[in-house]
Amino acid sequence: MEKEQLITKVSRVIMQLEIQKGPLKWSVSEVSRESQITRSLIYYHFGRKKNELLLISLENMMEVLFSYKNENLKEEERLKRALSHLRENPEPFILWYLYRLQENEFGNFIRSVEASLSKLILFNDYVLALTLNEH
């Protein structure tokens, strides 16, 4: 398994467990079991602290969803990719909604992604709602 696939697979499991169990109430053993990735590989790619695992997972999934680091991607393509991924994996959107207004490292990260996106596309609830309704 390639590094990107491994990180994406573990990220999805971490987000699912975060939603199911609550903020950081999951264990690395659970992530390992659910993702079928050894704890040593998880520690190697994500670090040992659960908040680091969640932050790396959020960053990975926000990049997968929105390609926010790619400034050359057109608005329409960015939204199409996001919608395609959200249909398969709604967890990043759920966590975005849950954490975006919190005053912690997760909320700060999400707001920094929003700031990056706002420079690239018109990103507000109205546009997102219209886009979701069209597809």
Protein backbone atom coordinates (compact mmCIF):
# COMPACT_ATOMS: atom_id res chain seq x y z
CA MET A 1 0.00 0.00 0.00
CA GLU A 2 1.32 3.43 -0.94
CA LYS A 3 1.89 6.10 1.70
CA GLU A 4 -1.00 8.30 0.48
CA GLN A 5 -3.42 5.37 0.50
CA LEU A 6 -2.33 4.37 3.99
CA ILE A 7 -2.77 7.91 5.33
CA THR A 8 -6.18 8.26 3.67
CA LYS A 9 -7.36 4.91 4.99
CA VAL A 10 -6.25 5.68 8.55
CA SER A 11 -7.65 9.23 8.29
CA ARG A 12 -11.08 7.93 7.37
CA VAL A 13 -11.12 5.53 10.30
CA ILE A 14 -9.98 8.25 12.71
CA MET A 15 -12.76 10.55 11.53
CA GLN A 16 -15.37 7.82 11.78
CA LEU A 17 -14.29 6.99 15.33
CA GLU A 18 -14.16 10.68 16.27
CA ILE A 19 -17.80 11.05 15.21
CA GLN A 20 -18.97 7.75 16.74
CA LYS A 21 -17.17 7.98 20.08
CA GLY A 22 -16.67 11.70 20.61
CA PRO A 23 -13.67 14.03 20.76
CA LEU A 24 -10.51 11.95 21.13
CA LYS A 25 -12.35 9.14 22.91
CA TRP A 26 -10.96 6.47 20.60
CA SER A 27 -7.68 4.61 20.87
CA VAL A 28 -4.86 4.00 18.43
CA SER A 29 -5.53 0.28 18.91
CA GLU A 30 -9.08 0.81 17.62
CA VAL A 31 -7.76 2.78 14.65
CA SER A 32 -5.27 0.00 13.94
CA ARG A 33 -7.92 -2.71 14.17
CA GLU A 34 -10.47 -0.87 12.01
CA SER A 35 -7.97 0.24 9.36
CA GLN A 36 -5.98 -3.02 9.41
CA ILE A 37 -2.80 -0.93 9.65
CA THR A 38 -0.28 -1.69 12.38
CA ARG A 39 0.09 0.71 15.27
CA SER A 40 3.78 1.13 14.46
CA LEU A 41 2.93 2.36 10.94
CA ILE A 42 0.29 4.68 12.34
CA TYR A 43 2.79 6.10 14.84
CA TYR A 44 5.39 6.47 12.10
CA HIS A 45 3.11 8.46 9.76
CA PHE A 46 0.95 10.31 12.30
CA GLY A 47 2.88 10.56 15.56
CA ARG A 48 1.93 9.20 18.96
CA LYS A 49 -0.56 11.78 20.24
CA LYS A 50 -4.22 11.43 19.33
CA ASN A 51 -4.59 15.15 18.66
CA GLU A 52 -1.73 14.87 16.13
CA LEU A 53 -3.47 11.92 14.50
CA LEU A 54 -6.70 13.88 14.21
CA LEU A 55 -5.00 17.03 12.88
CA ILE A 56 -3.09 15.08 10.22
CA SER A 57 -6.32 13.27 9.33
CA LEU A 58 -8.20 16.56 9.00
CA GLU A 59 -5.45 18.04 6.86
CA ASN A 60 -5.32 14.98 4.64
CA MET A 61 -9.06 14.84 4.14
CA MET A 62 -9.42 18.59 3.54
CA GLU A 63 -6.78 18.32 0.84
CA VAL A 64 -8.51 15.26 -0.65
CA LEU A 65 -11.86 17.06 -0.58
CA PHE A 66 -10.98 20.56 -1.63
CA SER A 67 -7.44 20.44 -3.02
CA TYR A 68 -6.99 23.66 -1.06
CA LYS A 69 -3.22 23.65 -1.66
CA ASN A 70 -3.74 23.65 -5.45
CA GLU A 71 -4.24 27.27 -6.44
CA ASN A 72 -4.60 26.43 -10.15
CA LEU A 73 -7.72 24.29 -9.79
CA LYS A 74 -10.86 25.96 -11.14
CA GLU A 75 -13.80 26.59 -8.80
CA GLU A 76 -16.14 24.24 -10.64
CA GLU A 77 -13.65 21.35 -10.62
CA ARG A 78 -12.88 21.93 -6.93
CA LEU A 79 -16.58 21.70 -6.05
CA LYS A 80 -17.16 18.64 -8.25
CA ARG A 81 -14.29 16.82 -6.54
CA ALA A 82 -15.57 17.81 -3.11
CA LEU A 83 -19.08 16.58 -3.85
CA SER A 84 -17.81 13.31 -5.27
CA HIS A 85 -15.73 12.63 -2.15
CA LEU A 86 -18.48 13.73 0.23
CA ARG A 87 -20.93 11.25 -1.25
CA GLU A 88 -18.52 8.42 -0.41
CA ASN A 89 -17.16 9.84 2.82
CA PRO A 90 -19.24 12.49 4.66
CA GLU A 91 -17.11 12.42 7.84
CA PRO A 92 -14.84 15.37 6.93
CA PHE A 93 -17.88 17.60 6.41
CA ILE A 94 -19.42 16.46 9.70
CA LEU A 95 -16.18 17.21 11.56
CA TRP A 96 -15.83 20.53 9.74
CA TYR A 97 -19.29 21.47 10.98
CA LEU A 98 -18.64 20.24 14.53
CA TYR A 99 -15.23 21.86 14.98
CA ARG A 100 -15.16 24.99 12.83
CA LEU A 101 -16.30 27.36 15.59
CA GLN A 102 -14.42 25.74 18.45
CA GLU A 103 -11.50 27.58 19.99
CA ASN A 104 -8.98 24.76 19.82
CA GLU A 105 -6.35 23.44 17.42
CA PHE A 106 -8.97 21.65 15.31
CA GLY A 107 -11.16 24.74 14.94
CA ASN A 108 -8.09 26.84 14.19
CA PHE A 109 -6.99 24.42 11.48
CA ILE A 110 -10.43 24.32 9.86
CA ARG A 111 -10.66 28.12 9.86
CA SER A 112 -7.21 28.31 8.23
CA VAL A 113 -8.43 25.97 5.47
CA GLU A 114 -11.54 28.12 5.04
CA ALA A 115 -9.33 31.19 4.73
CA SER A 116 -7.27 29.46 2.04
CA LEU A 117 -10.39 28.40 0.22
CA SER A 118 -11.99 31.82 0.44
CA LYS A 119 -9.09 33.18 -1.55
CA LEU A 120 -9.69 30.51 -4.19
CA ILE A 121 -13.49 30.23 -4.37
CA LEU A 122 -16.56 31.88 -2.96
CA PHE A 123 -17.05 29.53 -0.04
CA ASN A 124 -20.15 30.17 2.02
CA ASP A 125 -23.17 28.21 3.17
CA TYR A 126 -25.38 29.55 0.38
CA VAL A 127 -23.05 28.52 -2.45
CA LEU A 128 -22.44 25.12 -0.89
CA ALA A 129 -26.19 24.55 -0.43
CA LEU A 130 -26.90 25.54 -4.03
CA THR A 131 -24.16 23.23 -5.31
CA LEU A 132 -25.39 20.28 -3.22
CA ASN A 133 -28.96 20.79 -4.48
CA GLU A 134 -27.86 20.84 -8.12
CA HIS A 135 -26.21 17.42 -7.91
